[in-house]
């Protein structure tokens, strides 16, 4: 089980590093960078923003009973609030199933980030 987790996390990190390179070529003014917390299966893509203190896209895979789930969301931090906008999720998959759909996940993240960078989040969310 730990080996499957390590393989998935390593592969996801590698693919997201490649994605950040692609995003920096598409939108070089945004200065995308990736933060990885591999033990927690958590990845965060930040970019330069003039609208908020911090703006990012987060992906987290977490244990959900015997299987795992993934949540992907656009998040912003401002002076007095934190706002999250959920983009997609996957529920009740094995680590192997997540490994097999890594490319699909990365493509969804790419599309979501490209939408997120120009999206104003509603403070009522």
C-alpha atoms as a PDB file:
ATOM      1  CA  UNK A   1       0.000   0.000   0.000  1.00  0.00           C
ATOM      2  CA  UNK A   2       2.789   2.439   0.911  1.00  0.00           C
ATOM      3  CA  UNK A   3       4.588   1.581  -2.344  1.00  0.00           C
ATOM      4  CA  UNK A   4       1.434   2.376  -4.350  1.00  0.00           C
ATOM      5  CA  UNK A   5       1.094   5.672  -2.511  1.00  0.00           C
ATOM      6  CA  UNK A   6       4.739   6.585  -3.190  1.00  0.00           C
ATOM      7  CA  UNK A   7       4.410   5.718  -6.880  1.00  0.00           C
ATOM      8  CA  UNK A   8       1.203   7.750  -7.245  1.00  0.00           C
ATOM      9  CA  UNK A   9       2.580  10.762  -5.374  1.00  0.00           C
ATOM     10  CA  UNK A  10       5.848  10.730  -7.301  1.00  0.00           C
ATOM     11  CA  UNK A  11       4.047  10.478 -10.639  1.00  0.00           C
ATOM     12  CA  UNK A  12       1.527  13.203  -9.764  1.00  0.00           C
ATOM     13  CA  UNK A  13       4.319  15.519  -8.592  1.00  0.00           C
ATOM     14  CA  UNK A  14       6.270  14.932 -11.813  1.00  0.00           C
ATOM     15  CA  UNK A  15       3.213  15.592 -13.983  1.00  0.00           C
ATOM     16  CA  UNK A  16       2.268  18.740 -12.056  1.00  0.00           C
ATOM     17  CA  UNK A  17       5.825  20.100 -12.352  1.00  0.00           C
ATOM     18  CA  UNK A  18       5.514  19.632 -16.102  1.00  0.00           C
ATOM     19  CA  UNK A  19       2.101  21.320 -16.048  1.00  0.00           C
ATOM     20  CA  UNK A  20       3.507  24.348 -14.213  1.00  0.00           C
ATOM     21  CA  UNK A  21       6.201  24.647 -16.901  1.00  0.00           C
ATOM     22  CA  UNK A  22       3.465  24.583 -19.571  1.00  0.00           C
ATOM     23  CA  UNK A  23       1.393  27.185 -17.719  1.00  0.00           C
ATOM     24  CA  UNK A  24       4.416  29.479 -17.435  1.00  0.00           C
ATOM     25  CA  UNK A  25       4.839  29.286 -21.215  1.00  0.00           C
ATOM     26  CA  UNK A  26       1.148  30.005 -21.824  1.00  0.00           C
ATOM     27  CA  UNK A  27       0.873  32.843 -19.265  1.00  0.00           C
ATOM     28  CA  UNK A  28       4.427  33.926 -18.341  1.00  0.00           C
ATOM     29  CA  UNK A  29       3.178  37.042 -16.539  1.00  0.00           C
ATOM     30  CA  UNK A  30       1.497  34.866 -13.878  1.00  0.00           C
ATOM     31  CA  UNK A  31       4.740  33.311 -12.596  1.00  0.00           C
ATOM     32  CA  UNK A  32       3.210  29.950 -11.639  1.00  0.00           C
ATOM     33  CA  UNK A  33       4.941  27.826  -9.023  1.00  0.00           C
ATOM     34  CA  UNK A  34       4.183  24.505  -7.401  1.00  0.00           C
ATOM     35  CA  UNK A  35       4.245  23.608  -3.718  1.00  0.00           C
ATOM     36  CA  UNK A  36       4.208  19.910  -2.897  1.00  0.00           C
ATOM     37  CA  UNK A  37       3.396  18.198   0.404  1.00  0.00           C
ATOM     38  CA  UNK A  38       3.970  14.592  -0.643  1.00  0.00           C
ATOM     39  CA  UNK A  39       3.294  12.919   2.750  1.00  0.00           C
ATOM     40  CA  UNK A  40      -0.198  14.477   2.731  1.00  0.00           C
ATOM     41  CA  UNK A  41      -0.805  13.922  -1.011  1.00  0.00           C
ATOM     42  CA  UNK A  42      -1.344  17.672  -1.415  1.00  0.00           C
ATOM     43  CA  UNK A  43      -0.269  19.940  -4.282  1.00  0.00           C
ATOM     44  CA  UNK A  44      -0.768  23.679  -4.687  1.00  0.00           C
ATOM     45  CA  UNK A  45      -0.192  25.796  -7.786  1.00  0.00           C
ATOM     46  CA  UNK A  46       0.202  29.474  -6.924  1.00  0.00           C
ATOM     47  CA  UNK A  47       0.364  32.401  -9.314  1.00  0.00           C
ATOM     48  CA  UNK A  48       0.967  36.109  -9.238  1.00  0.00           C
ATOM     49  CA  UNK A  49      -2.232  38.010  -8.513  1.00  0.00           C
ATOM     50  CA  UNK A  50      -3.150  41.661  -8.148  1.00  0.00           C
ATOM     51  CA  UNK A  51      -6.641  40.902  -6.853  1.00  0.00           C
ATOM     52  CA  UNK A  52      -5.934  38.952  -3.671  1.00  0.00           C
ATOM     53  CA  UNK A  53      -3.152  38.417  -1.145  1.00  0.00           C
ATOM     54  CA  UNK A  54      -2.760  34.856  -2.406  1.00  0.00           C
ATOM     55  CA  UNK A  55      -4.404  32.870  -5.181  1.00  0.00           C
ATOM     56  CA  UNK A  56      -3.899  29.184  -5.893  1.00  0.00           C
ATOM     57  CA  UNK A  57      -5.322  25.923  -7.168  1.00  0.00           C
ATOM     58  CA  UNK A  58      -5.168  23.042  -4.680  1.00  0.00           C
ATOM     59  CA  UNK A  59      -5.364  19.295  -5.225  1.00  0.00           C
ATOM     60  CA  UNK A  60      -5.627  16.873  -2.318  1.00  0.00           C
ATOM     61  CA  UNK A  61      -6.000  13.103  -2.276  1.00  0.00           C
ATOM     62  CA  UNK A  62      -7.207  11.807   1.071  1.00  0.00           C
ATOM     63  CA  UNK A  63      -8.180   8.506   2.649  1.00  0.00           C
ATOM     64  CA  UNK A  64     -11.918   7.912   2.618  1.00  0.00           C
ATOM     65  CA  UNK A  65     -12.488   4.641   4.502  1.00  0.00           C
ATOM     66  CA  UNK A  66     -10.899   1.822   2.470  1.00  0.00           C
ATOM     67  CA  UNK A  67     -10.556   3.937  -0.670  1.00  0.00           C
ATOM     68  CA  UNK A  68      -9.391   7.458  -1.508  1.00  0.00           C
ATOM     69  CA  UNK A  69     -10.962  10.645  -2.792  1.00  0.00           C
ATOM     70  CA  UNK A  70      -9.579  13.710  -4.564  1.00  0.00           C
ATOM     71  CA  UNK A  71     -10.700  17.309  -4.332  1.00  0.00           C
ATOM     72  CA  UNK A  72      -9.515  20.118  -6.615  1.00  0.00           C
ATOM     73  CA  UNK A  73     -10.346  23.728  -5.851  1.00  0.00           C
ATOM     74  CA  UNK A  74      -9.451  27.322  -6.610  1.00  0.00           C
ATOM     75  CA  UNK A  75      -8.655  29.197  -3.433  1.00  0.00           C
ATOM     76  CA  UNK A  76      -7.943  32.794  -2.516  1.00  0.00           C
ATOM     77  CA  UNK A  77      -6.814  34.503   0.652  1.00  0.00           C
ATOM     78  CA  UNK A  78      -7.684  38.123   1.227  1.00  0.00           C
ATOM     79  CA  UNK A  79      -7.331  40.348   4.265  1.00  0.00           C
ATOM     80  CA  UNK A  80     -10.435  39.106   6.038  1.00  0.00           C
ATOM     81  CA  UNK A  81     -11.516  35.972   4.239  1.00  0.00           C
ATOM     82  CA  UNK A  82     -10.572  32.739   2.576  1.00  0.00           C
ATOM     83  CA  UNK A  83     -12.715  31.688  -0.373  1.00  0.00           C
ATOM     84  CA  UNK A  84     -12.713  28.276  -2.079  1.00  0.00           C
ATOM     85  CA  UNK A  85     -14.366  27.294  -5.326  1.00  0.00           C
ATOM     86  CA  UNK A  86     -14.497  23.532  -5.871  1.00  0.00           C
ATOM     87  CA  UNK A  87     -13.841  22.538  -9.487  1.00  0.00           C
ATOM     88  CA  UNK A  88     -13.951  18.760  -9.490  1.00  0.00           C
ATOM     89  CA  UNK A  89     -13.554  15.703  -7.345  1.00  0.00           C
ATOM     90  CA  UNK A  90     -13.213  11.954  -7.600  1.00  0.00           C
ATOM     91  CA  UNK A  91     -14.601   9.678  -4.917  1.00  0.00           C
ATOM     92  CA  UNK A  92     -13.906   6.165  -3.714  1.00  0.00           C
ATOM     93  CA  UNK A  93     -10.990   5.149  -5.887  1.00  0.00           C
ATOM     94  CA  UNK A  94      -7.978   3.020  -5.118  1.00  0.00           C
ATOM     95  CA  UNK A  95      -4.477   4.440  -5.340  1.00  0.00           C
ATOM     96  CA  UNK A  96      -3.968   2.328  -8.462  1.00  0.00           C
ATOM     97  CA  UNK A  97      -7.099   3.805 -10.049  1.00  0.00           C
ATOM     98  CA  UNK A  98      -5.803   7.310  -9.342  1.00  0.00           C
ATOM     99  CA  UNK A  99      -2.465   6.361 -10.874  1.00  0.00           C
ATOM    100  CA  UNK A 100      -4.224   5.169 -14.036  1.00  0.00           C
ATOM    101  CA  UNK A 101      -6.152   8.448 -14.434  1.00  0.00           C
ATOM    102  CA  UNK A 102      -3.282  10.806 -13.563  1.00  0.00           C
ATOM    103  CA  UNK A 103      -3.224  12.279 -17.090  1.00  0.00           C
ATOM    104  CA  UNK A 104      -6.967  12.946 -16.974  1.00  0.00           C
ATOM    105  CA  UNK A 105      -6.584  14.650 -13.591  1.00  0.00           C
ATOM    106  CA  UNK A 106      -3.703  16.819 -14.816  1.00  0.00           C
ATOM    107  CA  UNK A 107      -5.675  17.893 -17.911  1.00  0.00           C
ATOM    108  CA  UNK A 108      -8.640  18.846 -15.714  1.00  0.00           C
ATOM    109  CA  UNK A 109      -6.290  20.822 -13.466  1.00  0.00           C
ATOM    110  CA  UNK A 110      -4.827  22.644 -16.471  1.00  0.00           C
ATOM    111  CA  UNK A 111      -8.269  23.669 -17.734  1.00  0.00           C
ATOM    112  CA  UNK A 112      -9.378  24.693 -14.250  1.00  0.00           C
ATOM    113  CA  UNK A 113      -6.273  26.810 -13.600  1.00  0.00           C
ATOM    114  CA  UNK A 114      -6.633  28.614 -16.927  1.00  0.00           C
ATOM    115  CA  UNK A 115     -10.238  29.472 -15.999  1.00  0.00           C
ATOM    116  CA  UNK A 116      -9.352  30.339 -12.396  1.00  0.00           C
ATOM    117  CA  UNK A 117      -6.652  32.895 -13.136  1.00  0.00           C
ATOM    118  CA  UNK A 118      -9.201  35.325 -14.553  1.00  0.00           C
ATOM    119  CA  UNK A 119     -12.126  34.461 -12.302  1.00  0.00           C
ATOM    120  CA  UNK A 120     -13.339  36.688  -9.482  1.00  0.00           C
ATOM    121  CA  UNK A 121     -14.653  34.592  -6.638  1.00  0.00           C
ATOM    122  CA  UNK A 122     -17.943  35.516  -5.036  1.00  0.00           C
ATOM    123  CA  UNK A 123     -17.420  36.385  -1.389  1.00  0.00           C
ATOM    124  CA  UNK A 124     -20.667  34.560  -0.605  1.00  0.00           C
ATOM    125  CA  UNK A 125     -19.143  31.165  -1.499  1.00  0.00           C
END
